[in-house]
Amino acid sequence: MECEICGKEIRYRPAKIIVEGTELNVCNECREYGVEDVSTSVQHGVTRVVRKDRRPQQSKPIVFTEELVEGFNEIIKKERQKRGWSQEELAKRIQEKESLIRKIENAEMTPEPDVIEKLERIFDIKLREKVQEVKLSPQKKLVPTLGDVVVIKKKKK
């Protein structure tokens, strides 16, 4: 028997899942793409399907109240140099990799919140600032015109 999603041969018992109302026999790797069919029972000619959802529950939406200050990478570099530390020494002090410090100082990446906390603590500085809430006034809905959507190509002569 073949998996009805990826086409691989199923050697053992296939998993029965429901994808958008359709029951499929799939391999173990593809079972995450649907809802697993746990049991079915027939009573008075009506099939009852009890399903178990294997997908993780949706988490709460992320609300940003703080953001990194502009030029955070330069601030970190200056603070490190002011103390005479190398990138390697700073990395050891905050228990992170030297490559992470290099990437942060070169603005190749934005540090994770826990790394920001460590840097703020070790340098006794603030790298985050409060984000002010911006109120938008309701405006008329703009409906796109055909000219907004169409891209006109000129013929080459």
C-alpha atoms as a PDB file:
ATOM      1  CA  MET A   1       0.000   0.000   0.000  1.00  0.00           C
ATOM      2  CA  GLU A   2       1.221   3.519  -0.787  1.00  0.00           C
ATOM      3  CA  CYS A   3       0.869   6.688   1.293  1.00  0.00           C
ATOM      4  CA  GLU A   4      -1.904   8.800  -0.210  1.00  0.00           C
ATOM      5  CA  ILE A   5       0.051  12.015   0.436  1.00  0.00           C
ATOM      6  CA  CYS A   6       3.717  11.383  -0.374  1.00  0.00           C
ATOM      7  CA  GLY A   7       3.447   8.124  -2.362  1.00  0.00           C
ATOM      8  CA  LYS A   8       5.946   6.151  -0.257  1.00  0.00           C
ATOM      9  CA  GLU A   9       5.294   2.462   0.254  1.00  0.00           C
ATOM     10  CA  ILE A  10       3.711   1.795   3.661  1.00  0.00           C
ATOM     11  CA  ARG A  11       5.281  -1.356   5.119  1.00  0.00           C
ATOM     12  CA  TYR A  12       3.269  -1.531   8.318  1.00  0.00           C
ATOM     13  CA  ARG A  13      -0.258  -0.527   9.258  1.00  0.00           C
ATOM     14  CA  PRO A  14      -1.194   2.826   7.677  1.00  0.00           C
ATOM     15  CA  ALA A  15      -2.451   5.709   9.795  1.00  0.00           C
ATOM     16  CA  LYS A  16      -5.959   6.918   8.993  1.00  0.00           C
ATOM     17  CA  ILE A  17      -6.242  10.696   9.079  1.00  0.00           C
ATOM     18  CA  ILE A  18      -8.812  13.211   7.941  1.00  0.00           C
ATOM     19  CA  VAL A  19      -7.597  16.075   5.750  1.00  0.00           C
ATOM     20  CA  GLU A  20     -10.237  18.680   4.875  1.00  0.00           C
ATOM     21  CA  GLY A  21     -13.030  16.132   5.335  1.00  0.00           C
ATOM     22  CA  THR A  22     -11.356  13.335   3.346  1.00  0.00           C
ATOM     23  CA  GLU A  23     -10.147  10.151   5.022  1.00  0.00           C
ATOM     24  CA  LEU A  24      -6.647   9.146   3.880  1.00  0.00           C
ATOM     25  CA  ASN A  25      -4.312   6.214   4.568  1.00  0.00           C
ATOM     26  CA  VAL A  26      -0.874   7.697   5.168  1.00  0.00           C
ATOM     27  CA  CYS A  27       2.611   6.801   6.416  1.00  0.00           C
ATOM     28  CA  ASN A  28       3.805   7.816   9.900  1.00  0.00           C
ATOM     29  CA  GLU A  29       5.699  10.817   8.485  1.00  0.00           C
ATOM     30  CA  CYS A  30       2.588  12.298   6.841  1.00  0.00           C
ATOM     31  CA  ARG A  31       0.186  11.702   9.752  1.00  0.00           C
ATOM     32  CA  GLU A  32       0.920  15.217  11.107  1.00  0.00           C
ATOM     33  CA  TYR A  33      -0.798  16.815   8.085  1.00  0.00           C
ATOM     34  CA  GLY A  34      -4.283  15.891   9.236  1.00  0.00           C
ATOM     35  CA  VAL A  35      -6.509  14.979  12.125  1.00  0.00           C
ATOM     36  CA  GLU A  36      -6.167  11.406  13.296  1.00  0.00           C
ATOM     37  CA  ASP A  37      -9.299   9.265  13.049  1.00  0.00           C
ATOM     38  CA  VAL A  38      -9.471   7.619  16.474  1.00  0.00           C
ATOM     39  CA  SER A  39     -12.680   5.620  16.211  1.00  0.00           C
ATOM     40  CA  THR A  40     -15.747   5.158  14.058  1.00  0.00           C
ATOM     41  CA  SER A  41     -19.019   3.546  15.013  1.00  0.00           C
ATOM     42  CA  VAL A  42     -22.214   2.875  13.096  1.00  0.00           C
ATOM     43  CA  GLN A  43     -25.581   3.345  14.830  1.00  0.00           C
ATOM     44  CA  HIS A  44     -28.885   3.230  12.947  1.00  0.00           C
ATOM     45  CA  GLY A  45     -27.145   3.725   9.599  1.00  0.00           C
ATOM     46  CA  VAL A  46     -25.282   6.862  10.754  1.00  0.00           C
ATOM     47  CA  THR A  47     -21.483   6.830  10.972  1.00  0.00           C
ATOM     48  CA  ARG A  48     -20.086   8.696  13.944  1.00  0.00           C
ATOM     49  CA  VAL A  49     -16.446   9.763  13.781  1.00  0.00           C
ATOM     50  CA  VAL A  50     -14.576  10.745  16.931  1.00  0.00           C
ATOM     51  CA  ARG A  51     -11.422  12.648  16.076  1.00  0.00           C
ATOM     52  CA  LYS A  52      -8.346  13.594  18.011  1.00  0.00           C
ATOM     53  CA  ASP A  53      -6.518  16.696  16.827  1.00  0.00           C
ATOM     54  CA  ARG A  54      -2.724  16.171  16.854  1.00  0.00           C
ATOM     55  CA  ARG A  55      -1.889  19.761  15.978  1.00  0.00           C
ATOM     56  CA  PRO A  56      -0.542  21.940  18.796  1.00  0.00           C
ATOM     57  CA  GLN A  57      -2.906  24.481  20.311  1.00  0.00           C
ATOM     58  CA  GLN A  58      -2.574  28.030  19.040  1.00  0.00           C
ATOM     59  CA  SER A  59      -0.532  30.139  21.414  1.00  0.00           C
ATOM     60  CA  LYS A  60      -1.427  33.638  22.533  1.00  0.00           C
ATOM     61  CA  PRO A  61      -0.588  36.411  20.064  1.00  0.00           C
ATOM     62  CA  ILE A  62       2.752  38.101  20.661  1.00  0.00           C
ATOM     63  CA  VAL A  63       2.436  41.643  21.951  1.00  0.00           C
ATOM     64  CA  PHE A  64       5.540  43.781  21.593  1.00  0.00           C
ATOM     65  CA  THR A  65       5.914  46.372  24.333  1.00  0.00           C
ATOM     66  CA  GLU A  66       9.651  46.972  23.954  1.00  0.00           C
ATOM     67  CA  GLU A  67      12.082  47.073  21.054  1.00  0.00           C
ATOM     68  CA  LEU A  68      15.834  47.330  20.672  1.00  0.00           C
ATOM     69  CA  VAL A  69      17.278  50.809  20.604  1.00  0.00           C
ATOM     70  CA  GLU A  70      18.678  52.015  17.309  1.00  0.00           C
ATOM     71  CA  GLY A  71      22.379  51.241  16.961  1.00  0.00           C
ATOM     72  CA  PHE A  72      22.293  48.558  19.666  1.00  0.00           C
ATOM     73  CA  ASN A  73      25.228  46.791  17.993  1.00  0.00           C
ATOM     74  CA  GLU A  74      27.475  49.865  18.293  1.00  0.00           C
ATOM     75  CA  ILE A  75      26.480  50.358  21.942  1.00  0.00           C
ATOM     76  CA  ILE A  76      27.424  46.757  22.761  1.00  0.00           C
ATOM     77  CA  LYS A  77      30.738  47.067  20.914  1.00  0.00           C
ATOM     78  CA  LYS A  78      31.647  50.358  22.677  1.00  0.00           C
ATOM     79  CA  GLU A  79      30.763  48.957  26.107  1.00  0.00           C
ATOM     80  CA  ARG A  80      32.876  45.857  25.465  1.00  0.00           C
ATOM     81  CA  GLN A  81      35.843  47.902  24.228  1.00  0.00           C
ATOM     82  CA  LYS A  82      35.499  50.369  27.136  1.00  0.00           C
ATOM     83  CA  ARG A  83      36.108  47.468  29.518  1.00  0.00           C
ATOM     84  CA  GLY A  84      38.970  46.112  27.398  1.00  0.00           C
ATOM     85  CA  TRP A  85      37.268  42.775  26.752  1.00  0.00           C
ATOM     86  CA  SER A  86      37.621  40.722  23.598  1.00  0.00           C
ATOM     87  CA  GLN A  87      34.554  39.236  21.938  1.00  0.00           C
ATOM     88  CA  GLU A  88      35.656  35.862  23.269  1.00  0.00           C
ATOM     89  CA  GLU A  89      35.882  37.170  26.839  1.00  0.00           C
ATOM     90  CA  LEU A  90      32.425  38.788  26.652  1.00  0.00           C
ATOM     91  CA  ALA A  91      30.993  35.555  25.262  1.00  0.00           C
ATOM     92  CA  LYS A  92      32.438  33.581  28.190  1.00  0.00           C
ATOM     93  CA  ARG A  93      31.084  36.080  30.730  1.00  0.00           C
ATOM     94  CA  ILE A  94      27.517  35.790  29.410  1.00  0.00           C
ATOM     95  CA  GLN A  95      27.892  32.079  28.559  1.00  0.00           C
ATOM     96  CA  GLU A  96      27.262  32.435  24.836  1.00  0.00           C
ATOM     97  CA  LYS A  97      29.319  31.679  21.728  1.00  0.00           C
ATOM     98  CA  GLU A  98      31.894  34.137  20.403  1.00  0.00           C
ATOM     99  CA  SER A  99      30.321  33.911  16.934  1.00  0.00           C
ATOM    100  CA  LEU A 100      27.045  35.197  18.403  1.00  0.00           C
ATOM    101  CA  ILE A 101      28.784  38.274  19.826  1.00  0.00           C
ATOM    102  CA  ARG A 102      30.527  38.905  16.490  1.00  0.00           C
ATOM    103  CA  LYS A 103      27.234  38.658  14.576  1.00  0.00           C
ATOM    104  CA  ILE A 104      25.467  40.972  17.023  1.00  0.00           C
ATOM    105  CA  GLU A 105      28.233  43.596  16.855  1.00  0.00           C
ATOM    106  CA  ASN A 106      28.262  43.441  13.040  1.00  0.00           C
ATOM    107  CA  ALA A 107      24.441  43.790  12.994  1.00  0.00           C
ATOM    108  CA  GLU A 108      24.168  40.486  11.144  1.00  0.00           C
ATOM    109  CA  MET A 109      21.538  39.308  13.609  1.00  0.00           C
ATOM    110  CA  THR A 110      19.209  40.565  16.312  1.00  0.00           C
ATOM    111  CA  PRO A 111      19.851  38.974  19.707  1.00  0.00           C
ATOM    112  CA  GLU A 112      17.213  36.897  21.467  1.00  0.00           C
ATOM    113  CA  PRO A 113      15.530  38.463  24.539  1.00  0.00           C
ATOM    114  CA  ASP A 114      17.534  36.317  26.979  1.00  0.00           C
ATOM    115  CA  VAL A 115      20.834  37.446  25.389  1.00  0.00           C
ATOM    116  CA  ILE A 116      19.697  41.085  25.509  1.00  0.00           C
ATOM    117  CA  GLU A 117      18.970  40.633  29.216  1.00  0.00           C
ATOM    118  CA  LYS A 118      22.449  39.221  29.858  1.00  0.00           C
ATOM    119  CA  LEU A 119      24.089  42.098  27.984  1.00  0.00           C
ATOM    120  CA  GLU A 120      22.004  44.705  29.819  1.00  0.00           C
ATOM    121  CA  ARG A 121      22.913  43.127  33.151  1.00  0.00           C
ATOM    122  CA  ILE A 122      26.661  42.800  32.496  1.00  0.00           C
ATOM    123  CA  PHE A 123      27.047  46.327  31.062  1.00  0.00           C
ATOM    124  CA  ASP A 124      24.406  47.925  33.341  1.00  0.00           C
ATOM    125  CA  ILE A 125      22.746  49.624  30.357  1.00  0.00           C
ATOM    126  CA  LYS A 126      19.338  49.612  28.673  1.00  0.00           C
ATOM    127  CA  LEU A 127      19.193  48.167  25.149  1.00  0.00           C
ATOM    128  CA  ARG A 128      15.394  48.166  24.945  1.00  0.00           C
ATOM    129  CA  GLU A 129      12.917  51.010  24.908  1.00  0.00           C
ATOM    130  CA  LYS A 130       9.164  51.144  25.324  1.00  0.00           C
ATOM    131  CA  VAL A 131       7.153  51.114  22.123  1.00  0.00           C
ATOM    132  CA  GLN A 132       4.559  53.831  21.980  1.00  0.00           C
ATOM    133  CA  GLU A 133       1.150  52.734  20.815  1.00  0.00           C
ATOM    134  CA  VAL A 134       0.174  54.390  17.562  1.00  0.00           C
ATOM    135  CA  LYS A 135      -3.488  55.149  17.086  1.00  0.00           C
ATOM    136  CA  LEU A 136      -4.631  55.089  13.492  1.00  0.00           C
ATOM    137  CA  SER A 137      -7.604  57.152  12.489  1.00  0.00           C
ATOM    138  CA  PRO A 138     -10.141  55.303  10.363  1.00  0.00           C
ATOM    139  CA  GLN A 139      -9.821  56.196   6.710  1.00  0.00           C
ATOM    140  CA  LYS A 140     -11.904  55.486   3.663  1.00  0.00           C
ATOM    141  CA  LYS A 141     -11.303  52.071   2.225  1.00  0.00           C
ATOM    142  CA  LEU A 142      -9.246  52.350  -0.908  1.00  0.00           C
ATOM    143  CA  VAL A 143     -10.398  50.049  -3.654  1.00  0.00           C
ATOM    144  CA  PRO A 144      -7.646  49.179  -6.115  1.00  0.00           C
ATOM    145  CA  THR A 145      -8.289  50.168  -9.696  1.00  0.00           C
ATOM    146  CA  LEU A 146      -7.378  48.148 -12.751  1.00  0.00           C
ATOM    147  CA  GLY A 147      -4.352  50.408 -13.220  1.00  0.00           C
ATOM    148  CA  ASP A 148      -3.079  49.468  -9.752  1.00  0.00           C
ATOM    149  CA  VAL A 149      -3.183  45.778 -10.586  1.00  0.00           C
ATOM    150  CA  VAL A 150      -2.130  45.553 -14.228  1.00  0.00           C
ATOM    151  CA  VAL A 151       1.502  45.796 -15.299  1.00  0.00           C
ATOM    152  CA  ILE A 152       1.789  47.035 -18.870  1.00  0.00           C
ATOM    153  CA  LYS A 153       4.689  45.742 -20.893  1.00  0.00           C
ATOM    154  CA  LYS A 154       5.753  47.678 -23.960  1.00  0.00           C
ATOM    155  CA  LYS A 155       6.527  45.827 -27.147  1.00  0.00           C
ATOM    156  CA  LYS A 156      10.128  45.885 -28.300  1.00  0.00           C
ATOM    157  CA  LYS A 157      10.547  47.183 -31.826  1.00  0.00           C
END
